[in-house]
Amino acid sequence: MTTTVPGATTLDEYETRARAWLDAELPVRAAQEHEPNYAIFHNRTHDEERALIDAARAWQARRVDAGFGAITWGPDWGGPGLTAGHERVYVNLERGYQTPERHENVLVTVELVAPTLHALGTDEQRQRFVRPFLRADELCCQLFSEPGAGSDLAGLSTKAVRNGDTWRINGQKVWSSGAQFSEWGLLIARSDRSAPKHKGMTAFMVPMNTPGVEVRPIRQMSGGSTFNEVFLSDVELPDSLRVGAEGDGWKVALTTLGFERNSSAGIVSAGGNSVDLARLVDRLGLSDDPLARQRLGDAAIYERAAALMVARYAERERAGAVPGVEGSIGKLVWTQNLKRVGDAAASFLGDRIVADTGEPDTFAWSEHLLGAPGYRIAGGSDEIQRNIIGERGLGLPREPR
């Protein structure tokens, strides 16, 4: 089912229609009545995680069916085919309502894998996967990083051996978020050991219930199991599940990571933002403090800059461009602003951030401070982003290896 938001030609008209739909679907977000959650990596039980994912999937499907969940996608893919400006209007509106949390597993499927398959998949793959992924009817995880190949993705060793129209996969992946809840995995494996390491890789869609696929959640010191190890033992796949040409796995990986960096740069609310900081400043009576105002202004300005960059990138992608160094720039801006927000909160709170005394909106910021550094590694470390910008964007000499 697809509803295309008829007649919404201007942003003002679109905002009116979107607000009316949200009013009918969700309660307005009330003033903060309980301890806020600024965690970036959450610690939940398996059942809690499953319930959250189910709610996020249902909400994504409702949004798509109403014309608000795949806003820049055309009618052939279940969207109304509007602009990034329309999408920005809706996202800003939705923040004012009590929505189910958008789980990372849903974000990976909708914002990374669906556009990658749309860009590089066969016609059959696009028809099979894009709509179900955009609605989150099925979920997909990334099977990229390995114990010996994290930041250096091209160093992976998982093997893909072809035998006619089938492939046999053997290897191990790690740090796969949401693998235990996914129906599919987007896998990069080495298919030609004689080729240069960037050339001998091939990408596949892997049904996660295939014999030989074993998912082992990783128990984190904080208590949760956000990440997983995935073992692939004699996993057989038909060639129809290969994504892109044989040997083009590096291109598939870069395309997906480009969408990931754009997606990361657009998540301005994850883990707390300038709006949360402003509320904290007001509650602490620091509204007239010049240093507090400067820190708050810096965070708000960089957030706005990141949002505008993402909007520009989205327009380029809608016109058919594949993400390039822009995604790396956006991710750097976003991760640096996560640190900027956390440092500001710590400076406002002082030692009240260290222990949970029951005072609201204080200790909650500690989870932001502990989690923010992780996103400077996820999706490619800050150092890798700078190398990408310098080498591919500015044409500087490659880093010595």
Foldseek 3Di string as FASTA:
>chain_A
DADQLPPCPDLVSLLVVLLVVCVVPFAFDDDDDAFDFLFQDDADDPVVVVVLLVQLLQVLLVCLRNQLQLACDPVVQSHNNDALSSNVSNVVSCVRTDGRDNDPQLCLQQQFVLLLCVQFNDPVSNVPRNNCSSSPVFTEWEQFADPVDALNSLPDAWEWEDDPQKTWTFDKGKFTFPLVPGQKYWYKHFYDPVDPSLQRIWIFIGGCPFPQWDWAFDQDPVNHGRMIMIGGDRGMDGNSRTTHDRRCSNVSVVLSLLSVLLSLLQPQCRSHALVLLVVVCVVLVNPPPVVLVVLSVVRVVLNVVSNVLSSVVRNVVSVPDGGALSSLVSNLSNLVSLVSSLVSLCVSQPCQCVDPPPDHPRVSSVSSVVRSVVSCPPSHHNVRSVQRCCCVVVVDDHDDD
